[in-house]
Amino acid sequence: HAGLLPADSGARSRAIAWMFAALSTVEPPIVERSMAWLFE
């Protein structure tokens, strides 16, 4: 569905890269911090 990925192929690929960056690079240390607060 149109609206969350650019039509331009390069911009589209960069948007997808940021999806992966959010989940694979930025989120892990944040989740680790949250788990430490909950359980440790």
PDB file of all heavy atoms in Angstrom:
ATOM      1  N   HIS A   1       0.845  -1.196   0.000  1.00  0.00           N
ATOM      2  CA  HIS A   1       0.000   0.000   0.000  1.00  0.00           C
ATOM      3  C   HIS A   1       0.882   1.248   0.000  1.00  0.00           C
ATOM      4  O   HIS A   1       1.873   1.324   0.727  1.00  0.00           O
ATOM      5  CB  HIS A   1      -0.910   0.019   1.233  1.00  0.00           C
ATOM      6  CG  HIS A   1      -1.736  -1.217   1.402  1.00  0.00           C
ATOM      7  ND1 HIS A   1      -2.862  -1.470   0.654  1.00  0.00           N
ATOM      8  CD2 HIS A   1      -1.589  -2.272   2.240  1.00  0.00           C
ATOM      9  CE1 HIS A   1      -3.390  -2.628   1.026  1.00  0.00           C
ATOM     10  NE2 HIS A   1      -2.638  -3.135   1.976  1.00  0.00           N
ATOM     11  N   ALA A   2       0.499   2.214  -0.792  1.00  0.00           N
ATOM     12  CA  ALA A   2       1.266   3.456  -0.884  1.00  0.00           C
ATOM     13  C   ALA A   2       1.140   4.259   0.404  1.00  0.00           C
ATOM     14  O   ALA A   2       0.092   4.278   1.045  1.00  0.00           O
ATOM     15  CB  ALA A   2       0.767   4.275  -2.069  1.00  0.00           C
ATOM     16  N   GLY A   3       2.241   4.936   0.762  1.00  0.00           N
ATOM     17  CA  GLY A   3       2.179   5.859   1.874  1.00  0.00           C
ATOM     18  C   GLY A   3       3.343   5.796   2.839  1.00  0.00           C
ATOM     19  O   GLY A   3       3.675   6.800   3.473  1.00  0.00           O
ATOM     20  N   LEU A   4       4.001   4.632   2.965  1.00  0.00           N
ATOM     21  CA  LEU A   4       5.080   4.509   3.939  1.00  0.00           C
ATOM     22  C   LEU A   4       6.426   4.149   3.337  1.00  0.00           C
ATOM     23  O   LEU A   4       7.422   4.045   4.054  1.00  0.00           O
ATOM     24  CB  LEU A   4       4.706   3.479   5.013  1.00  0.00           C
ATOM     25  CG  LEU A   4       3.685   3.959   6.047  1.00  0.00           C
ATOM     26  CD1 LEU A   4       3.321   2.833   7.008  1.00  0.00           C
ATOM     27  CD2 LEU A   4       4.195   5.176   6.814  1.00  0.00           C
ATOM     28  N   LEU A   5       6.468   3.954   2.018  1.00  0.00           N
ATOM     29  CA  LEU A   5       7.734   3.757   1.313  1.00  0.00           C
ATOM     30  C   LEU A   5       7.742   4.650   0.082  1.00  0.00           C
ATOM     31  O   LEU A   5       6.737   4.711  -0.646  1.00  0.00           O
ATOM     32  CB  LEU A   5       7.916   2.292   0.898  1.00  0.00           C
ATOM     33  CG  LEU A   5       8.223   1.284   2.002  1.00  0.00           C
ATOM     34  CD1 LEU A   5       8.295  -0.131   1.422  1.00  0.00           C
ATOM     35  CD2 LEU A   5       9.510   1.629   2.742  1.00  0.00           C
ATOM     36  N   PRO A   6       8.842   5.351  -0.174  1.00  0.00           N
ATOM     37  CA  PRO A   6       8.910   6.253  -1.333  1.00  0.00           C
ATOM     38  C   PRO A   6       8.783   5.498  -2.650  1.00  0.00           C
ATOM     39  O   PRO A   6       9.116   4.307  -2.744  1.00  0.00           O
ATOM     40  CB  PRO A   6      10.289   6.899  -1.207  1.00  0.00           C
ATOM     41  CG  PRO A   6      10.698   6.678   0.207  1.00  0.00           C
ATOM     42  CD  PRO A   6      10.074   5.389   0.620  1.00  0.00           C
ATOM     43  N   ALA A   7       8.324   6.196  -3.667  1.00  0.00           N
ATOM     44  CA  ALA A   7       8.228   5.600  -5.003  1.00  0.00           C
ATOM     45  C   ALA A   7       9.601   5.445  -5.646  1.00  0.00           C
ATOM     46  O   ALA A   7       9.862   4.474  -6.357  1.00  0.00           O
ATOM     47  CB  ALA A   7       7.328   6.449  -5.888  1.00  0.00           C
ATOM     48  N   ASP A   8      10.501   6.405  -5.400  1.00  0.00           N
ATOM     49  CA  ASP A   8      11.862   6.331  -5.943  1.00  0.00           C
ATOM     50  C   ASP A   8      12.586   5.120  -5.367  1.00  0.00           C
ATOM     51  O   ASP A   8      12.570   4.896  -4.142  1.00  0.00           O
ATOM     52  CB  ASP A   8      12.620   7.613  -5.590  1.00  0.00           C
ATOM     53  CG  ASP A   8      14.078   7.547  -5.995  1.00  0.00           C
ATOM     54  OD1 ASP A   8      14.369   7.694  -7.185  1.00  0.00           O
ATOM     55  OD2 ASP A   8      14.917   7.313  -5.091  1.00  0.00           O
ATOM     56  N   SER A   9      13.219   4.326  -6.220  1.00  0.00           N
ATOM     57  CA  SER A   9      13.808   3.068  -5.771  1.00  0.00           C
ATOM     58  C   SER A   9      14.923   3.274  -4.748  1.00  0.00           C
ATOM     59  O   SER A   9      15.047   2.518  -3.779  1.00  0.00           O
ATOM     60  CB  SER A   9      14.333   2.264  -6.966  1.00  0.00           C
ATOM     61  OG  SER A   9      15.354   2.986  -7.650  1.00  0.00           O
ATOM     62  N   GLY A  10      15.757   4.298  -4.957  1.00  0.00           N
ATOM     63  CA  GLY A  10      16.842   4.555  -4.019  1.00  0.00           C
ATOM     64  C   GLY A  10      16.317   4.976  -2.657  1.00  0.00           C
ATOM     65  O   GLY A  10      16.765   4.464  -1.617  1.00  0.00           O
ATOM     66  N   ALA A  11      15.379   5.916  -2.660  1.00  0.00           N
ATOM     67  CA  ALA A  11      14.788   6.377  -1.404  1.00  0.00           C
ATOM     68  C   ALA A  11      14.038   5.240  -0.712  1.00  0.00           C
ATOM     69  O   ALA A  11      14.045   5.127   0.521  1.00  0.00           O
ATOM     70  CB  ALA A  11      13.855   7.551  -1.667  1.00  0.00           C
ATOM     71  N   ARG A  12      13.417   4.391  -1.506  1.00  0.00           N
ATOM     72  CA  ARG A  12      12.694   3.246  -0.959  1.00  0.00           C
ATOM     73  C   ARG A  12      13.655   2.300  -0.236  1.00  0.00           C
ATOM     74  O   ARG A  12      13.390   1.844   0.880  1.00  0.00           O
ATOM     75  CB  ARG A  12      11.980   2.518  -2.103  1.00  0.00           C
ATOM     76  CG  ARG A  12      11.000   1.441  -1.690  1.00  0.00           C
ATOM     77  CD  ARG A  12      10.409   0.802  -2.938  1.00  0.00           C
ATOM     78  NE  ARG A  12       9.307  -0.087  -2.638  1.00  0.00           N
ATOM     79  CZ  ARG A  12       8.040   0.276  -2.584  1.00  0.00           C
ATOM     80  NH1 ARG A  12       7.694   1.536  -2.808  1.00  0.00           N
ATOM     81  NH2 ARG A  12       7.092  -0.607  -2.319  1.00  0.00           N
ATOM     82  N   SER A  13      14.777   2.030  -0.865  1.00  0.00           N
ATOM     83  CA  SER A  13      15.767   1.155  -0.250  1.00  0.00           C
ATOM     84  C   SER A  13      16.336   1.773   1.026  1.00  0.00           C
ATOM     85  O   SER A  13      16.583   1.067   2.016  1.00  0.00           O
ATOM     86  CB  SER A  13      16.891   0.855  -1.235  1.00  0.00           C
ATOM     87  OG  SER A  13      16.410   0.111  -2.334  1.00  0.00           O
ATOM     88  N   ARG A  14      16.538   3.083   1.029  1.00  0.00           N
ATOM     89  CA  ARG A  14      17.051   3.737   2.233  1.00  0.00           C
ATOM     90  C   ARG A  14      16.021   3.679   3.365  1.00  0.00           C
ATOM     91  O   ARG A  14      16.380   3.476   4.533  1.00  0.00           O
ATOM     92  CB  ARG A  14      17.431   5.190   1.939  1.00  0.00           C
ATOM     93  CG  ARG A  14      18.669   5.320   1.058  1.00  0.00           C
ATOM     94  CD  ARG A  14      19.207   6.743   1.048  1.00  0.00           C
ATOM     95  NE  ARG A  14      18.238   7.723   0.559  1.00  0.00           N
ATOM     96  CZ  ARG A  14      18.067   8.038  -0.729  1.00  0.00           C
ATOM     97  NH1 ARG A  14      18.790   7.429  -1.657  1.00  0.00           N
ATOM     98  NH2 ARG A  14      17.195   8.948  -1.104  1.00  0.00           N
ATOM     99  N   ALA A  15      14.745   3.837   3.041  1.00  0.00           N
ATOM    100  CA  ALA A  15      13.700   3.747   4.064  1.00  0.00           C
ATOM    101  C   ALA A  15      13.682   2.350   4.681  1.00  0.00           C
ATOM    102  O   ALA A  15      13.535   2.195   5.905  1.00  0.00           O
ATOM    103  CB  ALA A  15      12.336   4.085   3.460  1.00  0.00           C
ATOM    104  N   ILE A  16      13.846   1.326   3.840  1.00  0.00           N
ATOM    105  CA  ILE A  16      13.893  -0.044   4.346  1.00  0.00           C
ATOM    106  C   ILE A  16      15.136  -0.248   5.214  1.00  0.00           C
ATOM    107  O   ILE A  16      15.083  -0.921   6.247  1.00  0.00           O
ATOM    108  CB  ILE A  16      13.841  -1.044   3.183  1.00  0.00           C
ATOM    109  CG1 ILE A  16      12.472  -0.967   2.489  1.00  0.00           C
ATOM    110  CG2 ILE A  16      14.110  -2.465   3.671  1.00  0.00           C
ATOM    111  CD1 ILE A  16      12.372  -1.751   1.201  1.00  0.00           C
ATOM    112  N   ALA A  17      16.246   0.362   4.813  1.00  0.00           N
ATOM    113  CA  ALA A  17      17.463   0.275   5.622  1.00  0.00           C
ATOM    114  C   ALA A  17      17.230   0.857   7.013  1.00  0.00           C
ATOM    115  O   ALA A  17      17.717   0.310   8.024  1.00  0.00           O
ATOM    116  CB  ALA A  17      18.614   0.997   4.926  1.00  0.00           C
ATOM    117  N   TRP A  18      16.480   1.951   7.088  1.00  0.00           N
ATOM    118  CA  TRP A  18      16.176   2.548   8.391  1.00  0.00           C
ATOM    119  C   TRP A  18      15.253   1.671   9.210  1.00  0.00           C
ATOM    120  O   TRP A  18      15.325   1.666  10.450  1.00  0.00           O
ATOM    121  CB  TRP A  18      15.611   3.962   8.227  1.00  0.00           C
ATOM    122  CG  TRP A  18      16.694   4.979   8.034  1.00  0.00           C
ATOM    123  CD1 TRP A  18      16.984   5.693   6.907  1.00  0.00           C
ATOM    124  CD2 TRP A  18      17.659   5.362   9.012  1.00  0.00           C
ATOM    125  NE1 TRP A  18      18.073   6.493   7.128  1.00  0.00           N
ATOM    126  CE2 TRP A  18      18.503   6.318   8.413  1.00  0.00           C
ATOM    127  CE3 TRP A  18      17.893   4.994  10.337  1.00  0.00           C
ATOM    128  CZ2 TRP A  18      19.570   6.904   9.095  1.00  0.00           C
ATOM    129  CZ3 TRP A  18      18.954   5.579  11.023  1.00  0.00           C
ATOM    130  CH2 TRP A  18      19.773   6.526  10.398  1.00  0.00           C
ATOM    131  N   MET A  19      14.388   0.905   8.558  1.00  0.00           N
ATOM    132  CA  MET A  19      13.571  -0.063   9.288  1.00  0.00           C
ATOM    133  C   MET A  19      14.471  -1.074   9.989  1.00  0.00           C
ATOM    134  O   MET A  19      14.300  -1.368  11.176  1.00  0.00           O
ATOM    135  CB  MET A  19      12.608  -0.776   8.340  1.00  0.00           C
ATOM    136  CG  MET A  19      11.540   0.095   7.723  1.00  0.00           C
ATOM    137  SD  MET A  19      10.494  -0.816   6.554  1.00  0.00           S
ATOM    138  CE  MET A  19       9.642  -1.961   7.668  1.00  0.00           C
ATOM    139  N   PHE A  20      15.446  -1.594   9.237  1.00  0.00           N
ATOM    140  CA  PHE A  20      16.375  -2.566   9.809  1.00  0.00           C
ATOM    141  C   PHE A  20      17.239  -1.911  10.892  1.00  0.00           C
ATOM    142  O   PHE A  20      17.540  -2.548  11.908  1.00  0.00           O
ATOM    143  CB  PHE A  20      17.251  -3.170   8.715  1.00  0.00           C
ATOM    144  CG  PHE A  20      16.584  -4.263   7.939  1.00  0.00           C
ATOM    145  CD1 PHE A  20      15.762  -3.974   6.866  1.00  0.00           C
ATOM    146  CD2 PHE A  20      16.774  -5.597   8.282  1.00  0.00           C
ATOM    147  CE1 PHE A  20      15.138  -4.982   6.150  1.00  0.00           C
ATOM    148  CE2 PHE A  20      16.151  -6.615   7.575  1.00  0.00           C
ATOM    149  CZ  PHE A  20      15.330  -6.306   6.498  1.00  0.00           C
ATOM    150  N   ALA A  21      17.643  -0.679  10.679  1.00  0.00           N
ATOM    151  CA  ALA A  21      18.470   0.014  11.670  1.00  0.00           C
ATOM    152  C   ALA A  21      17.723   0.175  12.989  1.00  0.00           C
ATOM    153  O   ALA A  21      18.296  -0.008  14.073  1.00  0.00           O
ATOM    154  CB  ALA A  21      18.901   1.377  11.134  1.00  0.00           C
ATOM    155  N   ALA A  22      16.443   0.516  12.894  1.00  0.00           N
ATOM    156  CA  ALA A  22      15.644   0.686  14.111  1.00  0.00           C
ATOM    157  C   ALA A  22      15.592  -0.608  14.915  1.00  0.00           C
ATOM    158  O   ALA A  22      15.791  -0.610  16.144  1.00  0.00           O
ATOM    159  CB  ALA A  22      14.229   1.139  13.745  1.00  0.00           C
ATOM    160  N   LEU A  23      15.357  -1.726  14.225  1.00  0.00           N
ATOM    161  CA  LEU A  23      15.155  -3.001  14.904  1.00  0.00           C
ATOM    162  C   LEU A  23      16.459  -3.714  15.256  1.00  0.00           C
ATOM    163  O   LEU A  23      16.515  -4.423  16.264  1.00  0.00           O
ATOM    164  CB  LEU A  23      14.296  -3.921  14.035  1.00  0.00           C
ATOM    165  CG  LEU A  23      12.887  -3.399  13.700  1.00  0.00           C
ATOM    166  CD1 LEU A  23      12.155  -4.401  12.835  1.00  0.00           C
ATOM    167  CD2 LEU A  23      12.107  -3.095  14.965  1.00  0.00           C
ATOM    168  N   SER A  24      17.480  -3.530  14.438  1.00  0.00           N
ATOM    169  CA  SER A  24      18.709  -4.314  14.621  1.00  0.00           C
ATOM    170  C   SER A  24      19.832  -3.552  15.296  1.00  0.00           C
ATOM    171  O   SER A  24      20.730  -4.172  15.882  1.00  0.00           O
ATOM    172  CB  SER A  24      19.208  -4.832  13.261  1.00  0.00           C
ATOM    173  OG  SER A  24      18.242  -5.653  12.649  1.00  0.00           O
ATOM    174  N   THR A  25      19.821  -2.217  15.203  1.00  0.00           N
ATOM    175  CA  THR A  25      20.929  -1.435  15.752  1.00  0.00           C
ATOM    176  C   THR A  25      20.518  -0.595  16.957  1.00  0.00           C
ATOM    177  O   THR A  25      21.221  -0.567  17.964  1.00  0.00           O
ATOM    178  CB  THR A  25      21.515  -0.511  14.662  1.00  0.00           C
ATOM    179  OG1 THR A  25      21.966  -1.308  13.563  1.00  0.00           O
ATOM    180  CG2 THR A  25      22.671   0.310  15.200  1.00  0.00           C
ATOM    181  N   VAL A  26      19.379   0.079  16.863  1.00  0.00           N
ATOM    182  CA  VAL A  26      18.976   0.986  17.943  1.00  0.00           C
ATOM    183  C   VAL A  26      18.199   0.259  19.037  1.00  0.00           C
ATOM    184  O   VAL A  26      18.407   0.512  20.227  1.00  0.00           O
ATOM    185  CB  VAL A  26      18.151   2.166  17.378  1.00  0.00           C
ATOM    186  CG1 VAL A  26      17.717   3.107  18.498  1.00  0.00           C
ATOM    187  CG2 VAL A  26      18.969   2.931  16.336  1.00  0.00           C
ATOM    188  N   GLU A  27      17.332  -0.654  18.661  1.00  0.00           N
ATOM    189  CA  GLU A  27      16.472  -1.295  19.673  1.00  0.00           C
ATOM    190  C   GLU A  27      17.197  -2.243  20.623  1.00  0.00           C
ATOM    191  O   GLU A  27      16.884  -2.263  21.818  1.00  0.00           O
ATOM    192  CB  GLU A  27      15.309  -2.018  19.002  1.00  0.00           C
ATOM    193  CG  GLU A  27      14.308  -2.560  20.023  1.00  0.00           C
ATOM    194  CD  GLU A  27      13.024  -3.049  19.397  1.00  0.00           C
ATOM    195  OE1 GLU A  27      13.080  -3.745  18.368  1.00  0.00           O
ATOM    196  OE2 GLU A  27      11.960  -2.734  19.950  1.00  0.00           O
ATOM    197  N   PRO A  28      18.158  -3.084  20.175  1.00  0.00           N
ATOM    198  CA  PRO A  28      18.741  -4.072  21.094  1.00  0.00           C
ATOM    199  C   PRO A  28      19.281  -3.507  22.410  1.00  0.00           C
ATOM    200  O   PRO A  28      18.957  -4.046  23.478  1.00  0.00           O
ATOM    201  CB  PRO A  28      19.822  -4.733  20.248  1.00  0.00           C
ATOM    202  CG  PRO A  28      19.262  -4.667  18.858  1.00  0.00           C
ATOM    203  CD  PRO A  28      18.608  -3.319  18.782  1.00  0.00           C
ATOM    204  N   PRO A  29      20.088  -2.429  22.409  1.00  0.00           N
ATOM    205  CA  PRO A  29      20.565  -1.937  23.710  1.00  0.00           C
ATOM    206  C   PRO A  29      19.441  -1.352  24.566  1.00  0.00           C
ATOM    207  O   PRO A  29      19.513  -1.390  25.801  1.00  0.00           O
ATOM    208  CB  PRO A  29      21.604  -0.868  23.335  1.00  0.00           C
ATOM    209  CG  PRO A  29      21.273  -0.471  21.937  1.00  0.00           C
ATOM    210  CD  PRO A  29      20.720  -1.696  21.289  1.00  0.00           C
ATOM    211  N   ILE A  30      18.389  -0.841  23.916  1.00  0.00           N
ATOM    212  CA  ILE A  30      17.250  -0.306  24.662  1.00  0.00           C
ATOM    213  C   ILE A  30      16.486  -1.436  25.334  1.00  0.00           C
ATOM    214  O   ILE A  30      16.094  -1.343  26.505  1.00  0.00           O
ATOM    215  CB  ILE A  30      16.348   0.516  23.730  1.00  0.00           C
ATOM    216  CG1 ILE A  30      17.091   1.771  23.259  1.00  0.00           C
ATOM    217  CG2 ILE A  30      15.039   0.895  24.423  1.00  0.00           C
ATOM    218  CD1 ILE A  30      16.343   2.586  22.207  1.00  0.00           C
ATOM    219  N   VAL A  31      16.271  -2.523  24.609  1.00  0.00           N
ATOM    220  CA  VAL A  31      15.571  -3.670  25.188  1.00  0.00           C
ATOM    221  C   VAL A  31      16.403  -4.294  26.304  1.00  0.00           C
ATOM    222  O   VAL A  31      15.864  -4.685  27.355  1.00  0.00           O
ATOM    223  CB  VAL A  31      15.259  -4.714  24.098  1.00  0.00           C
ATOM    224  CG1 VAL A  31      14.754  -6.011  24.719  1.00  0.00           C
ATOM    225  CG2 VAL A  31      14.208  -4.167  23.135  1.00  0.00           C
ATOM    226  N   GLU A  32      17.713  -4.377  26.106  1.00  0.00           N
ATOM    227  CA  GLU A  32      18.575  -4.937  27.151  1.00  0.00           C
ATOM    228  C   GLU A  32      18.464  -4.116  28.426  1.00  0.00           C
ATOM    229  O   GLU A  32      18.395  -4.661  29.537  1.00  0.00           O
ATOM    230  CB  GLU A  32      20.024  -4.987  26.676  1.00  0.00           C
ATOM    231  CG  GLU A  32      20.952  -5.696  27.656  1.00  0.00           C
ATOM    232  CD  GLU A  32      22.378  -5.800  27.153  1.00  0.00           C
ATOM    233  OE1 GLU A  32      22.706  -5.146  26.141  1.00  0.00           O
ATOM    234  OE2 GLU A  32      23.168  -6.524  27.791  1.00  0.00           O
ATOM    235  N   ARG A  33      18.402  -2.792  28.275  1.00  0.00           N
ATOM    236  CA  ARG A  33      18.239  -1.921  29.443  1.00  0.00           C
ATOM    237  C   ARG A  33      16.900  -2.179  30.122  1.00  0.00           C
ATOM    238  O   ARG A  33      16.813  -2.251  31.351  1.00  0.00           O
ATOM    239  CB  ARG A  33      18.344  -0.457  29.010  1.00  0.00           C
ATOM    240  CG  ARG A  33      18.258   0.520  30.164  1.00  0.00           C
ATOM    241  CD  ARG A  33      18.130   1.959  29.689  1.00  0.00           C
ATOM    242  NE  ARG A  33      18.214   2.874  30.812  1.00  0.00           N
ATOM    243  CZ  ARG A  33      17.205   3.143  31.630  1.00  0.00           C
ATOM    244  NH1 ARG A  33      16.028   2.553  31.454  1.00  0.00           N
ATOM    245  NH2 ARG A  33      17.368   3.990  32.633  1.00  0.00           N
ATOM    246  N   SER A  34      15.843  -2.321  29.326  1.00  0.00           N
ATOM    247  CA  SER A  34      14.515  -2.565  29.885  1.00  0.00           C
ATOM    248  C   SER A  34      14.464  -3.887  30.630  1.00  0.00           C
ATOM    249  O   SER A  34      13.865  -3.985  31.711  1.00  0.00           O
ATOM    250  CB  SER A  34      13.468  -2.564  28.763  1.00  0.00           C
ATOM    251  OG  SER A  34      13.427  -1.323  28.108  1.00  0.00           O
ATOM    252  N   MET A  35      15.075  -4.926  30.060  1.00  0.00           N
ATOM    253  CA  MET A  35      15.068  -6.234  30.704  1.00  0.00           C
ATOM    254  C   MET A  35      15.848  -6.206  32.022  1.00  0.00           C
ATOM    255  O   MET A  35      15.458  -6.858  32.994  1.00  0.00           O
ATOM    256  CB  MET A  35      15.656  -7.284  29.762  1.00  0.00           C
ATOM    257  CG  MET A  35      14.812  -7.578  28.537  1.00  0.00           C
ATOM    258  SD  MET A  35      13.132  -8.177  28.915  1.00  0.00           S
ATOM    259  CE  MET A  35      12.168  -6.664  28.672  1.00  0.00           C
ATOM    260  N   ALA A  36      16.933  -5.448  32.050  1.00  0.00           N
ATOM    261  CA  ALA A  36      17.704  -5.329  33.291  1.00  0.00           C
ATOM    262  C   ALA A  36      16.862  -4.672  34.373  1.00  0.00           C
ATOM    263  O   ALA A  36      16.867  -5.104  35.533  1.00  0.00           O
ATOM    264  CB  ALA A  36      18.984  -4.523  33.038  1.00  0.00           C
ATOM    265  N   TRP A  37      16.134  -3.636  34.005  1.00  0.00           N
ATOM    266  CA  TRP A  37      15.284  -2.954  34.992  1.00  0.00           C
ATOM    267  C   TRP A  37      14.195  -3.895  35.502  1.00  0.00           C
ATOM    268  O   TRP A  37      13.887  -3.928  36.698  1.00  0.00           O
ATOM    269  CB  TRP A  37      14.662  -1.704  34.378  1.00  0.00           C
ATOM    270  CG  TRP A  37      13.867  -0.918  35.379  1.00  0.00           C
ATOM    271  CD1 TRP A  37      14.339   0.037  36.229  1.00  0.00           C
ATOM    272  CD2 TRP A  37      12.462  -1.036  35.648  1.00  0.00           C
ATOM    273  NE1 TRP A  37      13.321   0.526  37.015  1.00  0.00           N
ATOM    274  CE2 TRP A  37      12.156  -0.116  36.680  1.00  0.00           C
ATOM    275  CE3 TRP A  37      11.443  -1.821  35.122  1.00  0.00           C
ATOM    276  CZ2 TRP A  37      10.873   0.028  37.193  1.00  0.00           C
ATOM    277  CZ3 TRP A  37      10.153  -1.679  35.642  1.00  0.00           C
ATOM    278  CH2 TRP A  37       9.874  -0.768  36.657  1.00  0.00           C
ATOM    279  N   LEU A  38      13.614  -4.696  34.619  1.00  0.00           N
ATOM    280  CA  LEU A  38      12.532  -5.590  35.014  1.00  0.00           C
ATOM    281  C   LEU A  38      13.000  -6.737  35.904  1.00  0.00           C
ATOM    282  O   LEU A  38      12.333  -7.097  36.879  1.00  0.00           O
ATOM    283  CB  LEU A  38      11.858  -6.170  33.762  1.00  0.00           C
ATOM    284  CG  LEU A  38      10.923  -5.246  32.999  1.00  0.00           C
ATOM    285  CD1 LEU A  38      10.493  -5.891  31.692  1.00  0.00           C
ATOM    286  CD2 LEU A  38       9.696  -4.894  33.849  1.00  0.00           C
ATOM    287  N   PHE A  39      14.154  -7.320  35.561  1.00  0.00           N
ATOM    288  CA  PHE A  39      14.534  -8.582  36.181  1.00  0.00           C
ATOM    289  C   PHE A  39      15.787  -8.541  37.057  1.00  0.00           C
ATOM    290  O   PHE A  39      16.072  -9.517  37.757  1.00  0.00           O
ATOM    291  CB  PHE A  39      14.728  -9.648  35.092  1.00  0.00           C
ATOM    292  CG  PHE A  39      13.499  -9.884  34.264  1.00  0.00           C
ATOM    293  CD1 PHE A  39      13.490  -9.568  32.917  1.00  0.00           C
ATOM    294  CD2 PHE A  39      12.348 -10.410  34.837  1.00  0.00           C
ATOM    295  CE1 PHE A  39      12.347  -9.787  32.139  1.00  0.00           C
ATOM    296  CE2 PHE A  39      11.210 -10.633  34.079  1.00  0.00           C
ATOM    297  CZ  PHE A  39      11.198 -10.319  32.723  1.00  0.00           C
ATOM    298  N   GLU A  40      16.524  -7.433  37.026  1.00  0.00           N
ATOM    299  CA  GLU A  40      17.807  -7.428  37.739  1.00  0.00           C
ATOM    300  C   GLU A  40      17.946  -6.292  38.756  1.00  0.00           C
ATOM    301  O   GLU A  40      18.964  -6.202  39.442  1.00  0.00           O
ATOM    302  CB  GLU A  40      18.963  -7.335  36.723  1.00  0.00           C
ATOM    303  CG  GLU A  40      19.011  -8.500  35.742  1.00  0.00           C
ATOM    304  CD  GLU A  40      20.025  -8.299  34.625  1.00  0.00           C
ATOM    305  OE1 GLU A  40      20.663  -7.218  34.577  1.00  0.00           O
ATOM    306  OE2 GLU A  40      20.188  -9.210  33.800  1.00  0.00           O
TER     307      GLU A  40
END
